[in-house]
Amino acid sequence: MKIALKSLVIAVAAVALLAGCAKPPAEERAAAVAAIDSAVAMKAPIYAADELAKAKKDLAAADAEIKIQDDKFWKNYDKAKEMVVKVKADVEAFKALIPARIEAAKKAAIEAEAAAKAALEEAKALLAKAPKGKGTRADIEAFAADLKGVEDAMPGVATKIAGEDYFGATDDANNLKGKATAVSAQIQAAIEKAKPAGKKKK
């Protein structure tokens, strides 16, 4: 009887010990959080927003799994550990893509700036050819004012590029290019309108 009781006590102690040995993956989770923080520092919210959002969502799911196990007597954190380890791996994978994405955005911004400048110069050259007379003076002045507005705004693109706001620079450059192109079209229409009937484009 004593032997049986002793065996039962040992068995219960062993079960309790095993249950207590199951620990949440604190180190693995900390590593995943550190990877996310590192990605944010590398501008992941700008250049890997979708991937970052997924990683945070997956980490939240892992935390939910940890909580589920915390509330159990028989704890098993294997699944939670796998989840947080995968989060870290996924983050490291998209972190590797960020530098190339930044470089591509920079290249696009510089190209957009060059295209905007070219459109402005083309519009200015066209304006110089526009007929200057009593009937066109107001139009010419309006065109010149529009182009000056574009020209005055152009340094802002360079400022954004210098500040590494490449998407903002690209948007601004494209907007300025559109304005310059629109003025060019208006100037061309004015030139056509001023031509003698026989010389107008058909």
Protein backbone atom coordinates (compact mmCIF):
# COMPACT_ATOMS: atom_id res chain seq x y z
CA MET A 1 0.00 0.00 0.00
CA LYS A 2 2.81 2.32 0.95
CA ILE A 3 4.66 1.45 -2.25
CA ALA A 4 1.57 2.13 -4.34
CA LEU A 5 1.02 5.48 -2.60
CA LYS A 6 4.65 6.39 -3.08
CA SER A 7 4.42 5.52 -6.77
CA LEU A 8 1.30 7.65 -7.11
CA VAL A 9 3.00 10.61 -5.48
CA ILE A 10 5.98 10.23 -7.78
CA ALA A 11 3.71 10.01 -10.83
CA VAL A 12 1.77 13.11 -9.83
CA ALA A 13 5.01 14.96 -9.20
CA ALA A 14 6.33 13.89 -12.59
CA VAL A 15 3.15 15.08 -14.33
CA ALA A 16 3.31 18.41 -12.51
CA LEU A 17 6.98 18.75 -13.45
CA LEU A 18 6.26 18.02 -17.10
CA ALA A 19 3.38 20.46 -17.15
CA GLY A 20 5.59 23.11 -15.58
CA CYS A 21 8.42 22.56 -18.07
CA ALA A 22 6.33 23.75 -20.99
CA LYS A 23 7.41 27.37 -21.38
CA PRO A 24 6.22 30.03 -23.84
CA PRO A 25 8.69 30.89 -26.64
CA ALA A 26 9.78 34.17 -25.05
CA GLU A 27 13.18 34.32 -26.71
CA GLU A 28 11.80 33.46 -30.13
CA ARG A 29 9.06 36.06 -29.76
CA ALA A 30 11.58 38.69 -28.69
CA ALA A 31 13.62 37.90 -31.79
CA ALA A 32 10.54 38.30 -34.00
CA VAL A 33 9.71 41.66 -32.39
CA ALA A 34 13.30 42.82 -32.82
CA ALA A 35 13.15 41.88 -36.50
CA ILE A 36 9.94 43.87 -36.95
CA ASP A 37 11.47 46.89 -35.20
CA SER A 38 14.50 46.61 -37.45
CA ALA A 39 12.27 46.49 -40.53
CA VAL A 40 10.44 49.61 -39.38
CA ALA A 41 13.78 51.38 -38.99
CA MET A 42 14.56 50.40 -42.58
CA LYS A 43 11.35 52.18 -43.71
CA ALA A 44 9.26 49.05 -44.09
CA PRO A 45 6.07 51.08 -43.47
CA ILE A 46 6.84 52.82 -46.78
CA TYR A 47 8.54 50.17 -48.86
CA ALA A 48 7.09 46.93 -47.46
CA ALA A 49 3.81 48.04 -45.93
CA ASP A 50 1.81 44.93 -46.87
CA GLU A 51 4.48 42.52 -45.68
CA LEU A 52 4.93 44.43 -42.43
CA ALA A 53 1.19 44.43 -41.78
CA LYS A 54 1.08 40.65 -42.35
CA ALA A 55 4.00 40.07 -40.00
CA LYS A 56 2.28 42.06 -37.25
CA LYS A 57 -0.94 40.16 -37.85
CA ASP A 58 0.90 36.82 -37.69
CA LEU A 59 2.65 37.85 -34.48
CA ALA A 60 -0.72 38.74 -32.96
CA ALA A 61 -1.98 35.29 -33.94
CA ALA A 62 1.05 33.73 -32.25
CA ASP A 63 0.35 35.77 -29.12
CA ALA A 64 -3.22 34.49 -29.15
CA GLU A 65 -1.93 30.92 -29.35
CA ILE A 66 0.44 31.58 -26.45
CA LYS A 67 -2.47 32.90 -24.40
CA ILE A 68 -4.50 29.80 -25.17
CA GLN A 69 -1.67 27.59 -23.88
CA ASP A 70 -1.12 29.82 -20.84
CA ASP A 71 -4.67 29.06 -19.74
CA LYS A 72 -4.26 25.30 -20.06
CA PHE A 73 -2.96 22.86 -17.48
CA TRP A 74 -1.35 20.75 -20.19
CA LYS A 75 0.60 23.42 -22.03
CA ASN A 76 2.13 22.88 -25.42
CA TYR A 77 3.83 25.89 -27.01
CA ASP A 78 5.20 24.04 -30.05
CA LYS A 79 2.71 25.64 -32.44
CA ALA A 80 3.27 29.10 -30.97
CA LYS A 81 7.01 28.67 -31.28
CA GLU A 82 6.68 27.68 -34.92
CA MET A 83 4.51 30.73 -35.53
CA VAL A 84 6.90 33.27 -34.02
CA VAL A 85 9.90 31.67 -35.71
CA LYS A 86 8.09 31.97 -39.05
CA VAL A 87 7.29 35.62 -38.34
CA LYS A 88 10.98 36.37 -37.87
CA ALA A 89 11.90 34.46 -41.02
CA ASP A 90 9.26 36.28 -43.05
CA VAL A 91 10.43 39.66 -41.77
CA GLU A 92 14.05 38.91 -42.56
CA ALA A 93 13.00 37.90 -46.07
CA PHE A 94 11.19 41.14 -46.88
CA LYS A 95 13.84 43.24 -45.14
CA ALA A 96 16.27 41.98 -47.78
CA LEU A 97 14.03 43.47 -50.49
CA ILE A 98 13.79 46.96 -49.03
CA PRO A 99 17.12 48.41 -50.25
CA ALA A 100 16.33 47.54 -53.88
CA ARG A 101 12.84 49.00 -53.54
CA ILE A 102 14.28 52.23 -52.15
CA GLU A 103 16.75 52.44 -55.01
CA ALA A 104 14.00 51.84 -57.56
CA ALA A 105 11.86 54.57 -55.98
CA LYS A 106 14.81 56.97 -56.05
CA LYS A 107 15.47 56.22 -59.72
CA ALA A 108 11.80 56.76 -60.58
CA ALA A 109 11.76 60.08 -58.73
CA ILE A 110 14.86 61.33 -60.53
CA GLU A 111 13.44 60.28 -63.89
CA ALA A 112 10.11 61.96 -63.10
CA GLU A 113 11.93 65.15 -62.13
CA ALA A 114 13.87 65.12 -65.41
CA ALA A 115 10.66 64.56 -67.40
CA ALA A 116 8.96 67.46 -65.61
CA LYS A 117 11.89 69.76 -66.33
CA ALA A 118 11.87 68.72 -69.98
CA ALA A 119 8.12 69.40 -70.24
CA LEU A 120 8.66 72.83 -68.69
CA GLU A 121 11.46 73.72 -71.09
CA GLU A 122 9.37 72.55 -74.02
CA ALA A 123 6.48 74.72 -72.89
CA LYS A 124 8.75 77.73 -72.42
CA ALA A 125 10.23 77.28 -75.89
CA LEU A 126 6.76 77.01 -77.37
CA LEU A 127 5.68 80.13 -75.51
CA ALA A 128 8.54 82.04 -77.11
CA LYS A 129 7.03 81.18 -80.51
CA ALA A 130 3.51 82.20 -79.58
CA PRO A 131 2.05 85.14 -81.54
CA LYS A 132 2.36 88.34 -79.57
CA GLY A 133 -0.29 90.89 -80.31
CA LYS A 134 -3.12 92.83 -78.83
CA GLY A 135 -5.52 89.89 -79.06
CA THR A 136 -3.15 87.36 -77.53
CA ARG A 137 -1.45 89.41 -74.82
CA ALA A 138 -3.74 88.25 -72.02
CA ASP A 139 -3.33 84.61 -73.03
CA ILE A 140 0.44 84.94 -73.25
CA GLU A 141 0.58 86.48 -69.80
CA ALA A 142 -1.60 83.72 -68.39
CA PHE A 143 0.58 81.02 -69.99
CA ALA A 144 3.72 82.68 -68.64
CA ALA A 145 2.23 82.87 -65.15
CA ASP A 146 1.27 79.19 -65.25
CA LEU A 147 4.76 78.19 -66.33
CA LYS A 148 6.34 80.37 -63.66
CA GLY A 149 4.22 78.55 -61.10
CA VAL A 150 5.54 75.24 -62.41
CA GLU A 151 9.12 76.53 -62.41
CA ASP A 152 8.83 77.90 -58.88
CA ALA A 153 7.49 74.56 -57.62
CA MET A 154 10.21 72.51 -59.29
CA PRO A 155 12.84 72.90 -56.52
CA GLY A 156 10.38 71.26 -54.15
CA VAL A 157 10.82 68.03 -56.07
CA ALA A 158 14.58 68.16 -55.58
CA THR A 159 14.05 68.86 -51.89
CA LYS A 160 11.88 65.79 -51.50
CA ILE A 161 14.43 63.67 -53.35
CA ALA A 162 17.17 64.95 -51.06
CA GLY A 163 14.95 64.10 -48.10
CA GLU A 164 14.39 60.59 -49.49
CA ASP A 165 10.68 61.17 -49.96
CA TYR A 166 10.86 59.49 -53.34
CA PHE A 167 7.18 58.69 -53.76
CA GLY A 168 6.22 62.23 -52.83
CA ALA A 169 8.81 63.61 -55.25
CA THR A 170 7.52 61.41 -58.05
CA ASP A 171 3.93 62.48 -57.46
CA ASP A 172 4.89 66.16 -57.43
CA ALA A 173 7.04 65.83 -60.53
CA ASN A 174 4.29 64.06 -62.44
CA ASN A 175 1.84 66.75 -61.39
CA LEU A 176 4.16 69.52 -62.58
CA LYS A 177 4.81 67.70 -65.83
CA GLY A 178 1.06 67.46 -66.36
CA LYS A 179 0.63 71.18 -65.79
CA ALA A 180 3.48 72.07 -68.17
CA THR A 181 2.10 69.73 -70.82
CA ALA A 182 -1.36 71.24 -70.47
CA VAL A 183 0.07 74.74 -70.95
CA SER A 184 1.96 73.53 -74.02
CA ALA A 185 -1.30 72.26 -75.49
CA GLN A 186 -2.97 75.60 -74.83
CA ILE A 187 -0.08 77.51 -76.39
CA GLN A 188 -0.13 75.25 -79.42
CA ALA A 189 -3.86 75.83 -79.79
CA ALA A 190 -3.29 79.58 -79.62
CA ILE A 191 -0.56 79.36 -82.26
CA GLU A 192 -2.86 77.37 -84.54
CA LYS A 193 -5.68 79.82 -83.98
CA ALA A 194 -3.48 82.77 -84.97
CA LYS A 195 -2.34 81.18 -88.22
CA PRO A 196 -3.98 82.14 -91.49
CA ALA A 197 -6.76 79.73 -92.43
CA GLY A 198 -4.72 78.06 -95.17
CA LYS A 199 -1.78 77.30 -92.87
CA LYS A 200 -3.66 75.71 -89.99
CA LYS A 201 -3.07 72.02 -89.22
CA LYS A 202 -5.75 69.73 -90.50
